[in-house]
Amino acid sequence: MNRQITADRETTLPLDDLTALRDHLLEQRLFREAQLQHLAGATAPGSDAGLDRQTASHR
């Protein structure tokens, strides 16, 4: 969802909230990067890893 608060642009978040938000966003980014690396490895041309997983899942 894209919700934008436009009523009060002077509102600021406390430092603790900003720190928690930054940490959460960093954790999400690292998770997404790991997902992309995993997917790229599974679909790389000539990669047997993806084929092995597919074969194992159909047994």
Protein backbone atom coordinates (compact mmCIF):
# COMPACT_ATOMS: atom_id res chain seq x y z
CA MET A 1 0.00 0.00 0.00
CA ASN A 2 1.14 3.49 -0.73
CA ARG A 3 -0.33 5.81 1.84
CA GLN A 4 1.07 9.26 2.10
CA ILE A 5 0.47 11.47 5.09
CA THR A 6 0.26 15.04 3.91
CA ALA A 7 -1.55 16.72 6.80
CA ASP A 8 1.47 17.43 9.02
CA ARG A 9 4.89 17.57 7.44
CA GLU A 10 6.45 18.82 10.68
CA THR A 11 5.93 15.47 12.41
CA THR A 12 9.18 13.67 13.14
CA LEU A 13 9.81 10.18 14.43
CA PRO A 14 11.71 9.64 17.65
CA LEU A 15 15.29 8.48 17.28
CA ASP A 16 14.41 5.01 18.62
CA ASP A 17 11.75 4.59 15.92
CA LEU A 18 14.11 5.74 13.18
CA THR A 19 16.78 3.34 14.39
CA ALA A 20 14.32 0.44 14.48
CA LEU A 21 13.05 1.33 11.01
CA ARG A 22 16.59 1.49 9.62
CA ASP A 23 17.46 -1.87 11.16
CA HIS A 24 14.29 -3.45 9.80
CA LEU A 25 14.90 -2.09 6.30
CA LEU A 26 18.49 -3.34 6.36
CA GLU A 27 17.31 -6.79 7.44
CA GLN A 28 14.73 -6.82 4.63
CA ARG A 29 17.37 -5.78 2.07
CA LEU A 30 19.76 -8.53 3.17
CA PHE A 31 16.95 -11.09 3.03
CA ARG A 32 15.92 -9.98 -0.48
CA GLU A 33 19.52 -10.05 -1.69
CA ALA A 34 19.91 -13.60 -0.35
CA GLN A 35 16.67 -14.58 -2.10
CA LEU A 36 17.90 -13.14 -5.39
CA GLN A 37 21.24 -14.94 -5.08
CA HIS A 38 19.43 -18.18 -4.33
CA LEU A 39 17.13 -17.75 -7.32
CA ALA A 40 19.97 -16.73 -9.61
CA GLY A 41 21.94 -19.81 -8.57
CA ALA A 42 18.93 -22.06 -9.15
CA THR A 43 18.30 -20.71 -12.65
CA ALA A 44 21.85 -20.06 -13.86
CA PRO A 45 22.60 -21.59 -17.26
CA GLY A 46 24.57 -24.79 -16.90
CA SER A 47 23.82 -24.95 -13.20
CA ASP A 48 23.08 -28.45 -12.02
CA ALA A 49 21.97 -27.19 -8.59
CA GLY A 50 18.56 -26.06 -9.82
CA LEU A 51 18.10 -29.25 -11.82
CA ASP A 52 19.06 -31.39 -8.82
CA ARG A 53 16.49 -29.64 -6.64
CA GLN A 54 13.80 -30.03 -9.30
CA THR A 55 14.60 -33.70 -9.75
CA ALA A 56 14.62 -34.33 -6.00
CA SER A 57 11.26 -32.61 -5.55
CA HIS A 58 9.62 -34.89 -8.16
CA ARG A 59 10.73 -38.13 -6.51
